[in-house]
C-alpha atoms as a PDB file:
ATOM      1  CA  UNK A   1      11.673  77.803 -42.354  1.00  0.00           C
ATOM      2  CA  UNK A   2       8.181  77.148 -40.983  1.00  0.00           C
ATOM      3  CA  UNK A   3       7.557  78.570 -37.535  1.00  0.00           C
ATOM      4  CA  UNK A   4       6.339  76.198 -34.852  1.00  0.00           C
ATOM      5  CA  UNK A   5       3.566  77.018 -32.415  1.00  0.00           C
ATOM      6  CA  UNK A   6       4.377  76.387 -28.737  1.00  0.00           C
ATOM      7  CA  UNK A   7       1.882  73.927 -27.284  1.00  0.00           C
ATOM      8  CA  UNK A   8       1.412  71.905 -24.131  1.00  0.00           C
ATOM      9  CA  UNK A   9      -0.224  68.508 -23.863  1.00  0.00           C
ATOM     10  CA  UNK A  10      -2.370  67.611 -20.848  1.00  0.00           C
ATOM     11  CA  UNK A  11      -2.892  63.890 -20.280  1.00  0.00           C
ATOM     12  CA  UNK A  12      -3.851  61.541 -17.476  1.00  0.00           C
ATOM     13  CA  UNK A  13      -2.984  58.089 -18.737  1.00  0.00           C
ATOM     14  CA  UNK A  14      -0.973  55.995 -21.140  1.00  0.00           C
ATOM     15  CA  UNK A  15      -0.484  58.726 -23.717  1.00  0.00           C
ATOM     16  CA  UNK A  16      -1.326  56.978 -26.984  1.00  0.00           C
ATOM     17  CA  UNK A  17      -2.429  60.238 -28.586  1.00  0.00           C
ATOM     18  CA  UNK A  18       0.646  61.945 -27.134  1.00  0.00           C
ATOM     19  CA  UNK A  19       2.780  59.333 -28.915  1.00  0.00           C
ATOM     20  CA  UNK A  20       1.144  60.151 -32.232  1.00  0.00           C
ATOM     21  CA  UNK A  21       1.351  63.927 -31.796  1.00  0.00           C
ATOM     22  CA  UNK A  22       4.988  63.806 -30.701  1.00  0.00           C
ATOM     23  CA  UNK A  23       5.871  61.632 -33.685  1.00  0.00           C
ATOM     24  CA  UNK A  24       4.038  63.949 -36.066  1.00  0.00           C
ATOM     25  CA  UNK A  25       5.912  66.934 -34.627  1.00  0.00           C
ATOM     26  CA  UNK A  26       9.271  65.179 -35.030  1.00  0.00           C
ATOM     27  CA  UNK A  27       8.449  64.237 -38.612  1.00  0.00           C
ATOM     28  CA  UNK A  28       7.315  67.736 -39.569  1.00  0.00           C
ATOM     29  CA  UNK A  29       3.653  66.808 -40.001  1.00  0.00           C
ATOM     30  CA  UNK A  30       2.580  68.907 -37.020  1.00  0.00           C
ATOM     31  CA  UNK A  31       3.676  72.540 -36.775  1.00  0.00           C
ATOM     32  CA  UNK A  32       4.144  72.320 -33.016  1.00  0.00           C
ATOM     33  CA  UNK A  33       6.851  72.885 -30.456  1.00  0.00           C
ATOM     34  CA  UNK A  34       5.749  70.635 -27.581  1.00  0.00           C
ATOM     35  CA  UNK A  35       7.121  72.569 -24.636  1.00  0.00           C
ATOM     36  CA  UNK A  36       5.467  70.778 -21.757  1.00  0.00           C
ATOM     37  CA  UNK A  37       3.415  67.730 -20.805  1.00  0.00           C
ATOM     38  CA  UNK A  38       1.289  68.059 -17.671  1.00  0.00           C
ATOM     39  CA  UNK A  39      -0.552  65.276 -15.876  1.00  0.00           C
ATOM     40  CA  UNK A  40      -2.789  65.280 -12.831  1.00  0.00           C
ATOM     41  CA  UNK A  41      -1.472  61.766 -12.056  1.00  0.00           C
ATOM     42  CA  UNK A  42       2.079  61.266 -10.855  1.00  0.00           C
ATOM     43  CA  UNK A  43       2.103  57.671 -12.158  1.00  0.00           C
ATOM     44  CA  UNK A  44       0.736  58.461 -15.623  1.00  0.00           C
ATOM     45  CA  UNK A  45       2.836  56.590 -18.230  1.00  0.00           C
ATOM     46  CA  UNK A  46       2.673  59.647 -20.504  1.00  0.00           C
ATOM     47  CA  UNK A  47       5.084  61.503 -18.205  1.00  0.00           C
ATOM     48  CA  UNK A  48       7.787  58.881 -18.617  1.00  0.00           C
ATOM     49  CA  UNK A  49       7.231  58.773 -22.372  1.00  0.00           C
ATOM     50  CA  UNK A  50       7.598  62.546 -22.699  1.00  0.00           C
ATOM     51  CA  UNK A  51      10.646  62.670 -20.461  1.00  0.00           C
ATOM     52  CA  UNK A  52      12.384  60.049 -22.622  1.00  0.00           C
ATOM     53  CA  UNK A  53      11.872  62.361 -25.601  1.00  0.00           C
ATOM     54  CA  UNK A  54      13.443  65.269 -23.754  1.00  0.00           C
ATOM     55  CA  UNK A  55      10.146  67.100 -23.243  1.00  0.00           C
ATOM     56  CA  UNK A  56       9.624  68.840 -19.925  1.00  0.00           C
ATOM     57  CA  UNK A  57       7.055  67.099 -17.735  1.00  0.00           C
ATOM     58  CA  UNK A  58       5.106  68.332 -14.765  1.00  0.00           C
ATOM     59  CA  UNK A  59       2.763  66.657 -12.304  1.00  0.00           C
ATOM     60  CA  UNK A  60       0.194  69.001 -10.801  1.00  0.00           C
ATOM     61  CA  UNK A  61      -1.834  67.180  -8.172  1.00  0.00           C
ATOM     62  CA  UNK A  62      -5.509  67.864  -7.776  1.00  0.00           C
ATOM     63  CA  UNK A  63      -6.620  69.134  -4.358  1.00  0.00           C
ATOM     64  CA  UNK A  64     -10.110  67.694  -4.945  1.00  0.00           C
ATOM     65  CA  UNK A  65     -13.001  67.449  -7.387  1.00  0.00           C
ATOM     66  CA  UNK A  66     -15.184  70.369  -6.345  1.00  0.00           C
ATOM     67  CA  UNK A  67     -15.555  73.567  -8.396  1.00  0.00           C
ATOM     68  CA  UNK A  68     -13.159  75.550  -6.213  1.00  0.00           C
ATOM     69  CA  UNK A  69     -10.632  72.710  -6.341  1.00  0.00           C
ATOM     70  CA  UNK A  70     -10.826  72.657 -10.141  1.00  0.00           C
ATOM     71  CA  UNK A  71     -10.257  76.393 -10.307  1.00  0.00           C
ATOM     72  CA  UNK A  72      -7.263  76.222  -7.964  1.00  0.00           C
ATOM     73  CA  UNK A  73      -5.781  73.347  -9.945  1.00  0.00           C
ATOM     74  CA  UNK A  74      -6.335  75.101 -13.269  1.00  0.00           C
ATOM     75  CA  UNK A  75      -4.742  78.299 -11.948  1.00  0.00           C
ATOM     76  CA  UNK A  76      -1.576  76.289 -11.258  1.00  0.00           C
ATOM     77  CA  UNK A  77      -1.754  74.786 -14.748  1.00  0.00           C
ATOM     78  CA  UNK A  78      -2.240  78.202 -16.354  1.00  0.00           C
ATOM     79  CA  UNK A  79       0.750  79.628 -14.499  1.00  0.00           C
ATOM     80  CA  UNK A  80       2.947  76.775 -15.743  1.00  0.00           C
ATOM     81  CA  UNK A  81       1.715  77.194 -19.314  1.00  0.00           C
ATOM     82  CA  UNK A  82       2.131  80.949 -19.402  1.00  0.00           C
ATOM     83  CA  UNK A  83       5.615  80.736 -17.906  1.00  0.00           C
ATOM     84  CA  UNK A  84       6.622  78.611 -20.885  1.00  0.00           C
ATOM     85  CA  UNK A  85       4.981  80.729 -23.555  1.00  0.00           C
ATOM     86  CA  UNK A  86       2.394  78.127 -24.514  1.00  0.00           C
ATOM     87  CA  UNK A  87      -0.167  79.321 -27.079  1.00  0.00           C
ATOM     88  CA  UNK A  88      -2.359  76.240 -27.549  1.00  0.00           C
ATOM     89  CA  UNK A  89      -3.392  73.611 -25.007  1.00  0.00           C
ATOM     90  CA  UNK A  90      -3.967  70.086 -26.299  1.00  0.00           C
ATOM     91  CA  UNK A  91      -5.955  67.589 -24.241  1.00  0.00           C
ATOM     92  CA  UNK A  92      -5.007  63.960 -24.867  1.00  0.00           C
ATOM     93  CA  UNK A  93      -6.875  61.680 -22.501  1.00  0.00           C
ATOM     94  CA  UNK A  94      -6.996  64.336 -19.783  1.00  0.00           C
ATOM     95  CA  UNK A  95      -9.550  63.010 -17.315  1.00  0.00           C
ATOM     96  CA  UNK A  96     -10.464  66.251 -15.640  1.00  0.00           C
ATOM     97  CA  UNK A  97     -13.278  68.732 -16.150  1.00  0.00           C
ATOM     98  CA  UNK A  98     -11.721  72.009 -17.292  1.00  0.00           C
ATOM     99  CA  UNK A  99     -12.806  75.142 -15.440  1.00  0.00           C
ATOM    100  CA  UNK A 100     -13.324  78.665 -16.731  1.00  0.00           C
ATOM    101  CA  UNK A 101      -9.895  79.605 -15.320  1.00  0.00           C
ATOM    102  CA  UNK A 102      -8.050  77.608 -17.978  1.00  0.00           C
ATOM    103  CA  UNK A 103     -10.548  78.275 -20.753  1.00  0.00           C
ATOM    104  CA  UNK A 104     -10.544  82.043 -20.329  1.00  0.00           C
ATOM    105  CA  UNK A 105      -6.762  82.188 -20.086  1.00  0.00           C
ATOM    106  CA  UNK A 106      -6.622  80.722 -23.598  1.00  0.00           C
ATOM    107  CA  UNK A 107      -9.660  82.373 -25.169  1.00  0.00           C
ATOM    108  CA  UNK A 108      -8.894  83.921 -28.532  1.00  0.00           C
ATOM    109  CA  UNK A 109     -10.101  87.398 -29.431  1.00  0.00           C
ATOM    110  CA  UNK A 110     -12.360  85.763 -32.041  1.00  0.00           C
ATOM    111  CA  UNK A 111     -14.348  84.040 -29.300  1.00  0.00           C
ATOM    112  CA  UNK A 112     -13.116  80.457 -29.344  1.00  0.00           C
ATOM    113  CA  UNK A 113     -10.644  78.910 -26.921  1.00  0.00           C
ATOM    114  CA  UNK A 114      -7.196  77.691 -27.926  1.00  0.00           C
ATOM    115  CA  UNK A 115      -7.879  74.495 -26.000  1.00  0.00           C
ATOM    116  CA  UNK A 116      -8.263  71.407 -28.199  1.00  0.00           C
ATOM    117  CA  UNK A 117      -9.767  68.060 -27.240  1.00  0.00           C
ATOM    118  CA  UNK A 118     -10.457  64.749 -28.940  1.00  0.00           C
ATOM    119  CA  UNK A 119     -13.610  62.821 -28.058  1.00  0.00           C
ATOM    120  CA  UNK A 120     -14.296  59.198 -29.033  1.00  0.00           C
ATOM    121  CA  UNK A 121     -17.716  59.741 -30.624  1.00  0.00           C
ATOM    122  CA  UNK A 122     -19.438  61.757 -33.306  1.00  0.00           C
ATOM    123  CA  UNK A 123     -20.601  64.599 -31.089  1.00  0.00           C
ATOM    124  CA  UNK A 124     -23.222  65.483 -30.046  1.00  0.00           C
ATOM    125  CA  UNK A 125     -23.810  61.713 -29.837  1.00  0.00           C
ATOM    126  CA  UNK A 126     -22.385  59.856 -26.824  1.00  0.00           C
ATOM    127  CA  UNK A 127     -20.823  62.687 -24.814  1.00  0.00           C
ATOM    128  CA  UNK A 128     -19.038  62.060 -21.538  1.00  0.00           C
ATOM    129  CA  UNK A 129     -17.105  59.046 -20.321  1.00  0.00           C
ATOM    130  CA  UNK A 130     -16.735  55.644 -22.005  1.00  0.00           C
ATOM    131  CA  UNK A 131     -18.122  56.802 -25.341  1.00  0.00           C
ATOM    132  CA  UNK A 132     -16.975  53.732 -27.284  1.00  0.00           C
ATOM    133  CA  UNK A 133     -18.718  51.509 -24.756  1.00  0.00           C
ATOM    134  CA  UNK A 134     -21.802  53.723 -24.926  1.00  0.00           C
ATOM    135  CA  UNK A 135     -21.954  53.261 -28.702  1.00  0.00           C
ATOM    136  CA  UNK A 136     -21.446  49.492 -28.468  1.00  0.00           C
ATOM    137  CA  UNK A 137     -24.070  48.989 -25.763  1.00  0.00           C
ATOM    138  CA  UNK A 138     -26.550  51.246 -27.552  1.00  0.00           C
ATOM    139  CA  UNK A 139     -26.244  49.088 -30.637  1.00  0.00           C
ATOM    140  CA  UNK A 140     -24.993  51.862 -32.916  1.00  0.00           C
ATOM    141  CA  UNK A 141     -23.918  50.771 -36.383  1.00  0.00           C
ATOM    142  CA  UNK A 142     -21.565  53.716 -36.792  1.00  0.00           C
ATOM    143  CA  UNK A 143     -19.614  55.824 -34.341  1.00  0.00           C
ATOM    144  CA  UNK A 144     -16.506  57.950 -34.692  1.00  0.00           C
ATOM    145  CA  UNK A 145     -14.148  60.581 -33.383  1.00  0.00           C
ATOM    146  CA  UNK A 146     -14.488  64.342 -32.932  1.00  0.00           C
ATOM    147  CA  UNK A 147     -11.789  66.975 -32.540  1.00  0.00           C
ATOM    148  CA  UNK A 148     -13.282  70.068 -30.941  1.00  0.00           C
ATOM    149  CA  UNK A 149     -12.378  73.213 -29.059  1.00  0.00           C
ATOM    150  CA  UNK A 150     -12.978  73.412 -25.335  1.00  0.00           C
ATOM    151  CA  UNK A 151     -15.897  75.120 -23.660  1.00  0.00           C
ATOM    152  CA  UNK A 152     -17.296  75.121 -20.144  1.00  0.00           C
ATOM    153  CA  UNK A 153     -19.984  72.541 -20.895  1.00  0.00           C
ATOM    154  CA  UNK A 154     -18.231  69.214 -21.385  1.00  0.00           C
ATOM    155  CA  UNK A 155     -17.908  68.049 -25.027  1.00  0.00           C
ATOM    156  CA  UNK A 156     -19.861  71.052 -26.292  1.00  0.00           C
ATOM    157  CA  UNK A 157     -17.252  73.251 -27.990  1.00  0.00           C
ATOM    158  CA  UNK A 158     -16.967  74.075 -31.702  1.00  0.00           C
ATOM    159  CA  UNK A 159     -16.265  71.001 -33.820  1.00  0.00           C
ATOM    160  CA  UNK A 160     -13.041  71.111 -35.830  1.00  0.00           C
ATOM    161  CA  UNK A 161     -13.086  67.695 -37.511  1.00  0.00           C
ATOM    162  CA  UNK A 162     -14.935  64.391 -37.383  1.00  0.00           C
ATOM    163  CA  UNK A 163     -14.401  60.924 -38.818  1.00  0.00           C
ATOM    164  CA  UNK A 164     -16.683  57.938 -38.525  1.00  0.00           C
ATOM    165  CA  UNK A 165     -16.219  54.188 -38.665  1.00  0.00           C
ATOM    166  CA  UNK A 166     -18.428  51.105 -38.735  1.00  0.00           C
ATOM    167  CA  UNK A 167     -19.029  48.844 -35.755  1.00  0.00           C
ATOM    168  CA  UNK A 168     -19.801  45.921 -38.048  1.00  0.00           C
ATOM    169  CA  UNK A 169     -18.183  42.785 -36.701  1.00  0.00           C
ATOM    170  CA  UNK A 170     -17.248  44.327 -33.339  1.00  0.00           C
ATOM    171  CA  UNK A 171     -18.000  41.818 -30.583  1.00  0.00           C
ATOM    172  CA  UNK A 172     -16.976  43.971 -27.624  1.00  0.00           C
ATOM    173  CA  UNK A 173     -16.426  47.560 -26.564  1.00  0.00           C
ATOM    174  CA  UNK A 174     -12.690  46.841 -26.594  1.00  0.00           C
ATOM    175  CA  UNK A 175     -12.863  46.016 -30.290  1.00  0.00           C
ATOM    176  CA  UNK A 176     -14.719  49.267 -30.908  1.00  0.00           C
ATOM    177  CA  UNK A 177     -12.010  51.141 -29.026  1.00  0.00           C
ATOM    178  CA  UNK A 178      -9.321  49.439 -31.078  1.00  0.00           C
ATOM    179  CA  UNK A 179     -10.890  50.683 -34.302  1.00  0.00           C
ATOM    180  CA  UNK A 180     -11.496  54.081 -32.789  1.00  0.00           C
ATOM    181  CA  UNK A 181      -7.905  54.565 -31.707  1.00  0.00           C
ATOM    182  CA  UNK A 182      -6.757  54.031 -35.289  1.00  0.00           C
ATOM    183  CA  UNK A 183      -9.077  56.848 -36.349  1.00  0.00           C
ATOM    184  CA  UNK A 184      -8.009  59.076 -33.452  1.00  0.00           C
ATOM    185  CA  UNK A 185      -4.348  58.649 -34.307  1.00  0.00           C
ATOM    186  CA  UNK A 186      -4.972  59.633 -37.907  1.00  0.00           C
ATOM    187  CA  UNK A 187      -7.375  62.524 -37.275  1.00  0.00           C
ATOM    188  CA  UNK A 188      -5.824  64.349 -34.300  1.00  0.00           C
ATOM    189  CA  UNK A 189      -2.452  65.339 -35.822  1.00  0.00           C
ATOM    190  CA  UNK A 190      -4.113  66.377 -39.067  1.00  0.00           C
ATOM    191  CA  UNK A 191      -6.807  68.506 -37.418  1.00  0.00           C
ATOM    192  CA  UNK A 192      -4.405  70.049 -34.909  1.00  0.00           C
ATOM    193  CA  UNK A 193      -1.905  70.935 -37.624  1.00  0.00           C
ATOM    194  CA  UNK A 194      -4.611  72.844 -39.480  1.00  0.00           C
ATOM    195  CA  UNK A 195      -5.425  74.825 -36.345  1.00  0.00           C
ATOM    196  CA  UNK A 196      -1.788  75.647 -35.586  1.00  0.00           C
ATOM    197  CA  UNK A 197      -1.186  76.778 -39.168  1.00  0.00           C
ATOM    198  CA  UNK A 198      -4.266  79.015 -39.011  1.00  0.00           C
ATOM    199  CA  UNK A 199      -5.980  77.135 -41.811  1.00  0.00           C
ATOM    200  CA  UNK A 200      -9.473  77.676 -40.473  1.00  0.00           C
ATOM    201  CA  UNK A 201     -12.191  80.275 -40.116  1.00  0.00           C
ATOM    202  CA  UNK A 202     -14.773  80.754 -37.409  1.00  0.00           C
ATOM    203  CA  UNK A 203     -18.446  81.435 -38.075  1.00  0.00           C
ATOM    204  CA  UNK A 204     -21.611  81.563 -36.023  1.00  0.00           C
ATOM    205  CA  UNK A 205     -24.520  79.255 -36.680  1.00  0.00           C
ATOM    206  CA  UNK A 206     -28.096  80.596 -36.860  1.00  0.00           C
ATOM    207  CA  UNK A 207     -28.428  79.566 -33.203  1.00  0.00           C
ATOM    208  CA  UNK A 208     -25.380  81.612 -32.239  1.00  0.00           C
ATOM    209  CA  UNK A 209     -22.936  78.750 -31.752  1.00  0.00           C
ATOM    210  CA  UNK A 210     -19.391  79.002 -33.025  1.00  0.00           C
ATOM    211  CA  UNK A 211     -18.261  76.586 -35.690  1.00  0.00           C
ATOM    212  CA  UNK A 212     -14.799  76.033 -37.128  1.00  0.00           C
ATOM    213  CA  UNK A 213     -14.407  75.531 -40.866  1.00  0.00           C
ATOM    214  CA  UNK A 214     -11.299  74.889 -42.990  1.00  0.00           C
ATOM    215  CA  UNK A 215     -10.141  77.922 -44.936  1.00  0.00           C
END
């Protein structure tokens, strides 16, 4: 019987990527034991969704947005994760900047962090907030989705997987997002499953950056 890796999902909103990951885990397409869902928002719909599936949920309120506040908040998150034996942290619409406290608690001996994020662009293009809208307003013909590992600089960690799509025919940023979510929901479970199964290797680029490659 295949062993499952204990993970936690951190989310701030509706939880569409949580839905997909939870379904993939139930169907055996994701080698994960989802032990906990944490949100910084008490009213986040993702908490109710997880609770209905019998997954433990936890709201950890943010004391503020400053660096010290982020570190205090992340220390509470780390304590909750470690108490439940979590090995990988999965960000799914988590609208907080992660501090070194969380990243270092889940840094692997090979140098990368076991913190995974999905970003709605082909990084390094369109980092930060509202990436689908950024692509639409810029007039890009193609954008996409990136699964990457977390690092202190936002949206800068080693890239695990990317998939692009055309903006042809999109008349609004909402239409771009609609196409993008379809790609996200296909790519995230697949890329995460490869990480949890250990089907990857880590190398350094000539500039000293880590990169993740399938093995």
